PDB file of N, CA and C in Angstrom:
ATOM      1  N   MET A   1      10.084   6.280   5.132  1.00  0.00           N
ATOM      2  CA  MET A   1       9.952   7.192   4.011  1.00  0.00           C
ATOM      3  C   MET A   1       8.672   6.840   3.261  1.00  0.00           C
ATOM      4  N   PRO A   2       7.777   7.798   3.018  1.00  0.00           N
ATOM      5  CA  PRO A   2       6.528   7.497   2.325  1.00  0.00           C
ATOM      6  C   PRO A   2       6.744   7.154   0.867  1.00  0.00           C
ATOM      7  N   ILE A   3       5.862   6.319   0.344  1.00  0.00           N
ATOM      8  CA  ILE A   3       5.881   5.998  -1.077  1.00  0.00           C
ATOM      9  C   ILE A   3       5.103   7.092  -1.791  1.00  0.00           C
ATOM     10  N   ILE A   4       5.774   7.953  -2.574  1.00  0.00           N
ATOM     11  CA  ILE A   4       5.067   9.012  -3.277  1.00  0.00           C
ATOM     12  C   ILE A   4       5.244   8.913  -4.783  1.00  0.00           C
ATOM     13  N   GLU A   5       6.054   7.990  -5.255  1.00  0.00           N
ATOM     14  CA  GLU A   5       6.238   7.832  -6.691  1.00  0.00           C
ATOM     15  C   GLU A   5       5.025   7.114  -7.293  1.00  0.00           C
ATOM     16  N   PRO A   6       4.870   7.187  -8.608  1.00  0.00           N
ATOM     17  CA  PRO A   6       3.736   6.529  -9.256  1.00  0.00           C
ATOM     18  C   PRO A   6       3.719   5.025  -8.976  1.00  0.00           C
ATOM     19  N   ILE A   7       2.523   4.470  -8.941  1.00  0.00           N
ATOM     20  CA  ILE A   7       2.336   3.049  -8.691  1.00  0.00           C
ATOM     21  C   ILE A   7       1.593   2.449  -9.868  1.00  0.00           C
ATOM     22  N   LYS A   8       2.052   1.283 -10.316  1.00  0.00           N
ATOM     23  CA  LYS A   8       1.442   0.606 -11.458  1.00  0.00           C
ATOM     24  C   LYS A   8       0.769  -0.679 -10.991  1.00  0.00           C
ATOM     25  N   LYS A   9      -0.453  -0.923 -11.464  1.00  0.00           N
ATOM     26  CA  LYS A   9      -1.194  -2.138 -11.130  1.00  0.00           C
ATOM     27  C   LYS A   9      -1.284  -3.017 -12.365  1.00  0.00           C
ATOM     28  N   VAL A  10      -0.948  -4.302 -12.215  1.00  0.00           N
ATOM     29  CA  VAL A  10      -1.004  -5.269 -13.317  1.00  0.00           C
ATOM     30  C   VAL A  10      -1.770  -6.490 -12.843  1.00  0.00           C
ATOM     31  N   GLU A  11      -2.803  -6.868 -13.577  1.00  0.00           N
ATOM     32  CA  GLU A  11      -3.568  -8.076 -13.252  1.00  0.00           C
ATOM     33  C   GLU A  11      -3.113  -9.178 -14.195  1.00  0.00           C
ATOM     34  N   GLY A  12      -2.675 -10.290 -13.614  1.00  0.00           N
ATOM     35  CA  GLY A  12      -2.174 -11.406 -14.398  1.00  0.00           C
ATOM     36  C   GLY A  12      -3.189 -12.516 -14.516  1.00  0.00           C
ATOM     37  N   ASP A  13      -2.728 -13.645 -14.969  1.00  0.00           N
ATOM     38  CA  ASP A  13      -3.582 -14.814 -15.133  1.00  0.00           C
ATOM     39  C   ASP A  13      -3.872 -15.473 -13.792  1.00  0.00           C
ATOM     40  N   GLU A  14      -4.990 -16.167 -13.724  1.00  0.00           N
ATOM     41  CA  GLU A  14      -5.358 -17.015 -12.592  1.00  0.00           C
ATOM     42  C   GLU A  14      -5.358 -16.295 -11.252  1.00  0.00           C
ATOM     43  N   GLY A  15      -5.890 -15.060 -11.220  1.00  0.00           N
ATOM     44  CA  GLY A  15      -6.049 -14.357  -9.955  1.00  0.00           C
ATOM     45  C   GLY A  15      -4.789 -13.790  -9.354  1.00  0.00           C
ATOM     46  N   VAL A  16      -3.768 -13.534 -10.158  1.00  0.00           N
ATOM     47  CA  VAL A  16      -2.532 -12.934  -9.657  1.00  0.00           C
ATOM     48  C   VAL A  16      -2.573 -11.440  -9.964  1.00  0.00           C
ATOM     49  N   THR A  17      -2.397 -10.616  -8.926  1.00  0.00           N
ATOM     50  CA  THR A  17      -2.400  -9.166  -9.099  1.00  0.00           C
ATOM     51  C   THR A  17      -1.117  -8.601  -8.512  1.00  0.00           C
ATOM     52  N   HIS A  18      -0.525  -7.630  -9.214  1.00  0.00           N
ATOM     53  CA  HIS A  18       0.725  -7.007  -8.789  1.00  0.00           C
ATOM     54  C   HIS A  18       0.534  -5.498  -8.678  1.00  0.00           C
ATOM     55  N   LEU A  19       1.110  -4.898  -7.641  1.00  0.00           N
ATOM     56  CA  LEU A  19       1.261  -3.451  -7.534  1.00  0.00           C
ATOM     57  C   LEU A  19       2.757  -3.172  -7.504  1.00  0.00           C
ATOM     58  N   PHE A  20       3.207  -2.257  -8.346  1.00  0.00           N
ATOM     59  CA  PHE A  20       4.626  -1.929  -8.444  1.00  0.00           C
ATOM     60  C   PHE A  20       4.842  -0.456  -8.127  1.00  0.00           C
ATOM     61  N   SER A  21       5.835  -0.165  -7.322  1.00  0.00           N
ATOM     62  CA  SER A  21       6.318   1.201  -7.135  1.00  0.00           C
ATOM     63  C   SER A  21       7.836   1.124  -7.246  1.00  0.00           C
ATOM     64  N   GLY A  22       8.480   2.252  -7.240  1.00  0.00           N
ATOM     65  CA  GLY A  22       9.936   2.240  -7.315  1.00  0.00           C
ATOM     66  C   GLY A  22      10.570   1.634  -6.082  1.00  0.00           C
ATOM     67  N   ALA A  23       9.839   1.641  -4.961  1.00  0.00           N
ATOM     68  CA  ALA A  23      10.399   1.177  -3.696  1.00  0.00           C
ATOM     69  C   ALA A  23       9.974  -0.237  -3.326  1.00  0.00           C
ATOM     70  N   PHE A  24       8.831  -0.711  -3.850  1.00  0.00           N
ATOM     71  CA  PHE A  24       8.299  -1.974  -3.364  1.00  0.00           C
ATOM     72  C   PHE A  24       7.385  -2.603  -4.398  1.00  0.00           C
ATOM     73  N   ASN A  25       7.339  -3.923  -4.417  1.00  0.00           N
ATOM     74  CA  ASN A  25       6.405  -4.669  -5.257  1.00  0.00           C
ATOM     75  C   ASN A  25       5.544  -5.546  -4.351  1.00  0.00           C
ATOM     76  N   LEU A  26       4.235  -5.561  -4.618  1.00  0.00           N
ATOM     77  CA  LEU A  26       3.297  -6.347  -3.831  1.00  0.00           C
ATOM     78  C   LEU A  26       2.520  -7.250  -4.777  1.00  0.00           C
ATOM     79  N   THR A  27       2.510  -8.557  -4.505  1.00  0.00           N
ATOM     80  CA  THR A  27       1.794  -9.530  -5.314  1.00  0.00           C
ATOM     81  C   THR A  27       0.789 -10.255  -4.441  1.00  0.00           C
ATOM     82  N   VAL A  28      -0.453 -10.351  -4.932  1.00  0.00           N
ATOM     83  CA  VAL A  28      -1.500 -11.097  -4.234  1.00  0.00           C
ATOM     84  C   VAL A  28      -1.896 -12.270  -5.111  1.00  0.00           C
ATOM     85  N   LEU A  29      -1.831 -13.471  -4.565  1.00  0.00           N
ATOM     86  CA  LEU A  29      -2.202 -14.686  -5.278  1.00  0.00           C
ATOM     87  C   LEU A  29      -3.567 -15.136  -4.788  1.00  0.00           C
ATOM     88  N   GLY A  30      -4.473 -15.399  -5.703  1.00  0.00           N
ATOM     89  CA  GLY A  30      -5.795 -15.881  -5.314  1.00  0.00           C
ATOM     90  C   GLY A  30      -6.845 -14.795  -5.346  1.00  0.00           C
ATOM     91  N   GLU A  31      -7.947 -15.048  -4.646  1.00  0.00           N
ATOM     92  CA  GLU A  31      -9.113 -14.173  -4.679  1.00  0.00           C
ATOM     93  C   GLU A  31      -8.981 -13.005  -3.705  1.00  0.00           C
ATOM     94  N   GLY A  32      -7.898 -12.296  -3.775  1.00  0.00           N
ATOM     95  CA  GLY A  32      -7.686 -11.126  -2.938  1.00  0.00           C
ATOM     96  C   GLY A  32      -7.829  -9.871  -3.758  1.00  0.00           C
ATOM     97  N   LYS A  33      -7.429  -8.767  -3.178  1.00  0.00           N
ATOM     98  CA  LYS A  33      -7.455  -7.503  -3.903  1.00  0.00           C
ATOM     99  C   LYS A  33      -6.267  -6.659  -3.481  1.00  0.00           C
ATOM    100  N   VAL A  34      -5.899  -5.740  -4.348  1.00  0.00           N
ATOM    101  CA  VAL A  34      -4.844  -4.777  -4.062  1.00  0.00           C
ATOM    102  C   VAL A  34      -5.383  -3.388  -4.381  1.00  0.00           C
ATOM    103  N   PHE A  35      -4.940  -2.419  -3.598  1.00  0.00           N
ATOM    104  CA  PHE A  35      -5.349  -1.046  -3.870  1.00  0.00           C
ATOM    105  C   PHE A  35      -4.342  -0.087  -3.258  1.00  0.00           C
ATOM    106  N   ILE A  36      -4.533   1.180  -3.547  1.00  0.00           N
ATOM    107  CA  ILE A  36      -3.651   2.236  -3.072  1.00  0.00           C
ATOM    108  C   ILE A  36      -4.447   3.111  -2.121  1.00  0.00           C
ATOM    109  N   ARG A  37      -3.862   3.468  -1.013  1.00  0.00           N
ATOM    110  CA  ARG A  37      -4.521   4.356  -0.057  1.00  0.00           C
ATOM    111  C   ARG A  37      -3.646   5.599   0.085  1.00  0.00           C
ATOM    112  N   ASN A  38      -4.217   6.770  -0.227  1.00  0.00           N
ATOM    113  CA  ASN A  38      -3.504   8.045  -0.158  1.00  0.00           C
ATOM    114  C   ASN A  38      -3.933   8.828   1.071  1.00  0.00           C
ATOM    115  N   GLY A  39      -3.050   9.665   1.588  1.00  0.00           N
ATOM    116  CA  GLY A  39      -3.385  10.508   2.720  1.00  0.00           C
ATOM    117  C   GLY A  39      -2.326  11.558   2.944  1.00  0.00           C
ATOM    118  N   LEU A  40      -2.522  12.343   3.987  1.00  0.00           N
ATOM    119  CA  LEU A  40      -1.559  13.353   4.403  1.00  0.00           C
ATOM    120  C   LEU A  40      -1.121  13.040   5.827  1.00  0.00           C
ATOM    121  N   ARG A  41       0.152  13.173   6.075  1.00  0.00           N
ATOM    122  CA  ARG A  41       0.706  12.976   7.420  1.00  0.00           C
ATOM    123  C   ARG A  41       1.262  14.321   7.878  1.00  0.00           C
ATOM    124  N   ILE A  42       0.783  14.786   9.017  1.00  0.00           N
ATOM    125  CA  ILE A  42       1.255  16.065   9.549  1.00  0.00           C
ATOM    126  C   ILE A  42       2.486  15.808  10.415  1.00  0.00           C
ATOM    127  N   ASN A  43       3.565  16.475  10.073  1.00  0.00           N
ATOM    128  CA  ASN A  43       4.812  16.337  10.829  1.00  0.00           C
ATOM    129  C   ASN A  43       4.762  17.193  12.086  1.00  0.00           C
ATOM    130  N   ALA A  44       5.514  16.766  13.085  1.00  0.00           N
ATOM    131  CA  ALA A  44       5.728  17.637  14.241  1.00  0.00           C
ATOM    132  C   ALA A  44       6.410  18.886  13.707  1.00  0.00           C
ATOM    133  N   PRO A  45       6.716  19.845  14.540  1.00  0.00           N
ATOM    134  CA  PRO A  45       7.199  21.126  14.012  1.00  0.00           C
ATOM    135  C   PRO A  45       8.039  20.930  12.765  1.00  0.00           C
ATOM    136  N   PRO A  46       7.769  21.640  11.721  1.00  0.00           N
ATOM    137  CA  PRO A  46       6.972  22.862  11.660  1.00  0.00           C
ATOM    138  C   PRO A  46       5.481  22.630  11.358  1.00  0.00           C
ATOM    139  N   GLY A  47       4.988  21.408  11.378  1.00  0.00           N
ATOM    140  CA  GLY A  47       3.564  21.176  11.159  1.00  0.00           C
ATOM    141  C   GLY A  47       3.164  21.124   9.696  1.00  0.00           C
ATOM    142  N   THR A  48       4.106  20.828   8.829  1.00  0.00           N
ATOM    143  CA  THR A  48       3.805  20.752   7.400  1.00  0.00           C
ATOM    144  C   THR A  48       3.357  19.339   7.029  1.00  0.00           C
ATOM    145  N   PRO A  49       2.402  19.228   6.112  1.00  0.00           N
ATOM    146  CA  PRO A  49       1.924  17.894   5.718  1.00  0.00           C
ATOM    147  C   PRO A  49       2.835  17.227   4.690  1.00  0.00           C
ATOM    148  N   ASP A  50       2.950  15.920   4.776  1.00  0.00           N
ATOM    149  CA  ASP A  50       3.638  15.097   3.772  1.00  0.00           C
ATOM    150  C   ASP A  50       2.603  14.234   3.086  1.00  0.00           C
ATOM    151  N   LYS A  51       2.728  14.090   1.765  1.00  0.00           N
ATOM    152  CA  LYS A  51       1.858  13.166   1.042  1.00  0.00           C
ATOM    153  C   LYS A  51       2.304  11.742   1.345  1.00  0.00           C
ATOM    154  N   VAL A  52       1.320  10.861   1.577  1.00  0.00           N
ATOM    155  CA  VAL A  52       1.606   9.466   1.900  1.00  0.00           C
ATOM    156  C   VAL A  52       0.789   8.585   0.977  1.00  0.00           C
ATOM    157  N   ARG A  53       1.409   7.561   0.435  1.00  0.00           N
ATOM    158  CA  ARG A  53       0.716   6.587  -0.412  1.00  0.00           C
ATOM    159  C   ARG A  53       1.109   5.199   0.047  1.00  0.00           C
ATOM    160  N   TRP A  54       0.109   4.421   0.448  1.00  0.00           N
ATOM    161  CA  TRP A  54       0.344   3.050   0.888  1.00  0.00           C
ATOM    162  C   TRP A  54      -0.093   2.074  -0.187  1.00  0.00           C
ATOM    163  N   LEU A  55       0.655   0.992  -0.346  1.00  0.00           N
ATOM    164  CA  LEU A  55       0.197  -0.167  -1.107  1.00  0.00           C
ATOM    165  C   LEU A  55      -0.550  -1.057  -0.125  1.00  0.00           C
ATOM    166  N   VAL A  56      -1.708  -1.567  -0.532  1.00  0.00           N
ATOM    167  CA  VAL A  56      -2.493  -2.421   0.356  1.00  0.00           C
ATOM    168  C   VAL A  56      -2.892  -3.680  -0.400  1.00  0.00           C
ATOM    169  N   GLY A  57      -2.664  -4.829   0.206  1.00  0.00           N
ATOM    170  CA  GLY A  57      -3.120  -6.106  -0.334  1.00  0.00           C
ATOM    171  C   GLY A  57      -4.009  -6.783   0.687  1.00  0.00           C
ATOM    172  N   GLU A  58      -5.079  -7.411   0.216  1.00  0.00           N
ATOM    173  CA  GLU A  58      -5.996  -8.092   1.129  1.00  0.00           C
ATOM    174  C   GLU A  58      -6.292  -9.485   0.610  1.00  0.00           C
ATOM    175  N   LEU A  59      -6.259 -10.457   1.506  1.00  0.00           N
ATOM    176  CA  LEU A  59      -6.552 -11.847   1.174  1.00  0.00           C
ATOM    177  C   LEU A  59      -7.226 -12.481   2.384  1.00  0.00           C
ATOM    178  N   ASN A  60      -8.427 -12.988   2.196  1.00  0.00           N
ATOM    179  CA  ASN A  60      -9.187 -13.646   3.276  1.00  0.00           C
ATOM    180  C   ASN A  60      -9.353 -12.767   4.510  1.00  0.00           C
ATOM    181  N   GLY A  61      -9.591 -11.468   4.306  1.00  0.00           N
ATOM    182  CA  GLY A  61      -9.842 -10.556   5.409  1.00  0.00           C
ATOM    183  C   GLY A  61      -8.606 -10.034   6.109  1.00  0.00           C
ATOM    184  N   VAL A  62      -7.419 -10.468   5.699  1.00  0.00           N
ATOM    185  CA  VAL A  62      -6.167  -9.996   6.287  1.00  0.00           C
ATOM    186  C   VAL A  62      -5.518  -9.038   5.298  1.00  0.00           C
ATOM    187  N   ARG A  63      -5.101  -7.882   5.801  1.00  0.00           N
ATOM    188  CA  ARG A  63      -4.483  -6.867   4.937  1.00  0.00           C
ATOM    189  C   ARG A  63      -3.013  -6.667   5.298  1.00  0.00           C
ATOM    190  N   VAL A  64      -2.232  -6.357   4.268  1.00  0.00           N
ATOM    191  CA  VAL A  64      -0.864  -5.911   4.474  1.00  0.00           C
ATOM    192  C   VAL A  64      -0.783  -4.494   3.907  1.00  0.00           C
ATOM    193  N   TYR A  65      -0.301  -3.577   4.751  1.00  0.00           N
ATOM    194  CA  TYR A  65      -0.124  -2.185   4.373  1.00  0.00           C
ATOM    195  C   TYR A  65       1.374  -1.943   4.226  1.00  0.00           C
ATOM    196  N   ILE A  66       1.798  -1.420   3.067  1.00  0.00           N
ATOM    197  CA  ILE A  66       3.210  -1.164   2.802  1.00  0.00           C
ATOM    198  C   ILE A  66       3.420   0.337   2.750  1.00  0.00           C
ATOM    199  N   ASP A  67       4.313   0.836   3.600  1.00  0.00           N
ATOM    200  CA  ASP A  67       4.673   2.253   3.650  1.00  0.00           C
ATOM    201  C   ASP A  67       6.192   2.336   3.612  1.00  0.00           C
ATOM    202  N   GLY A  68       6.733   2.524   2.421  1.00  0.00           N
ATOM    203  CA  GLY A  68       8.190   2.567   2.289  1.00  0.00           C
ATOM    204  C   GLY A  68       8.800   1.233   2.653  1.00  0.00           C
ATOM    205  N   ASP A  69       9.640   1.217   3.676  1.00  0.00           N
ATOM    206  CA  ASP A  69      10.288  -0.018   4.132  1.00  0.00           C
ATOM    207  C   ASP A  69       9.494  -0.729   5.220  1.00  0.00           C
ATOM    208  N   ASN A  70       8.339  -0.217   5.576  1.00  0.00           N
ATOM    209  CA  ASN A  70       7.535  -0.770   6.658  1.00  0.00           C
ATOM    210  C   ASN A  70       6.337  -1.538   6.115  1.00  0.00           C
ATOM    211  N   ALA A  71       6.005  -2.642   6.773  1.00  0.00           N
ATOM    212  CA  ALA A  71       4.829  -3.431   6.417  1.00  0.00           C
ATOM    213  C   ALA A  71       4.044  -3.733   7.685  1.00  0.00           C
ATOM    214  N   ILE A  72       2.719  -3.582   7.583  1.00  0.00           N
ATOM    215  CA  ILE A  72       1.818  -3.908   8.704  1.00  0.00           C
ATOM    216  C   ILE A  72       0.858  -4.980   8.216  1.00  0.00           C
ATOM    217  N   LEU A  73       0.723  -6.059   8.948  1.00  0.00           N
ATOM    218  CA  LEU A  73      -0.190  -7.146   8.636  1.00  0.00           C
ATOM    219  C   LEU A  73      -1.284  -7.158   9.701  1.00  0.00           C
ATOM    220  N   THR A  74      -2.563  -6.964   9.288  1.00  0.00           N
ATOM    221  CA  THR A  74      -3.642  -6.822  10.251  1.00  0.00           C
ATOM    222  C   THR A  74      -4.988  -7.096   9.603  1.00  0.00           C
ATOM    223  N   THR A  75      -6.003  -7.263  10.434  1.00  0.00           N
ATOM    224  CA  THR A  75      -7.387  -7.347   9.937  1.00  0.00           C
ATOM    225  C   THR A  75      -8.071  -5.992  10.080  1.00  0.00           C
ATOM    226  N   ARG A  76      -7.388  -5.003  10.626  1.00  0.00           N
ATOM    227  CA  ARG A  76      -7.955  -3.656  10.804  1.00  0.00           C
ATOM    228  C   ARG A  76      -7.931  -2.868   9.499  1.00  0.00           C
ATOM    229  N   ASP A  77      -8.834  -1.901   9.398  1.00  0.00           N
ATOM    230  CA  ASP A  77      -8.876  -0.978   8.269  1.00  0.00           C
ATOM    231  C   ASP A  77      -8.086   0.267   8.670  1.00  0.00           C
ATOM    232  N   LEU A  78      -6.891   0.451   8.133  1.00  0.00           N
ATOM    233  CA  LEU A  78      -6.010   1.551   8.522  1.00  0.00           C
ATOM    234  C   LEU A  78      -5.959   2.627   7.455  1.00  0.00           C
ATOM    235  N   TYR A  79      -5.660   3.847   7.890  1.00  0.00           N
ATOM    236  CA  TYR A  79      -5.497   4.987   6.979  1.00  0.00           C
ATOM    237  C   TYR A  79      -4.201   5.709   7.323  1.00  0.00           C
ATOM    238  N   PRO A  80      -3.541   6.278   6.285  1.00  0.00           N
ATOM    239  CA  PRO A  80      -2.297   7.023   6.560  1.00  0.00           C
ATOM    240  C   PRO A  80      -2.557   8.254   7.398  1.00  0.00           C
TER     241      PRO A  80
END
């Protein structure tokens, strides 16, 4: 299920950053970054698009992409 609800970003002390959505929370500790990646996913018939919003955290060149209940850990640059 795509994350389509609003997402809140909070930067804490000592390099701690949090992204919050109703479905998932992502925390990056250290000199990493967090961001949101939006896109459209085209469904098989009837071919209608769904809005998709991923939470993304990156630390030392490794990214974790969060899409609902799914998480992908990779060094690749992915898009919804």
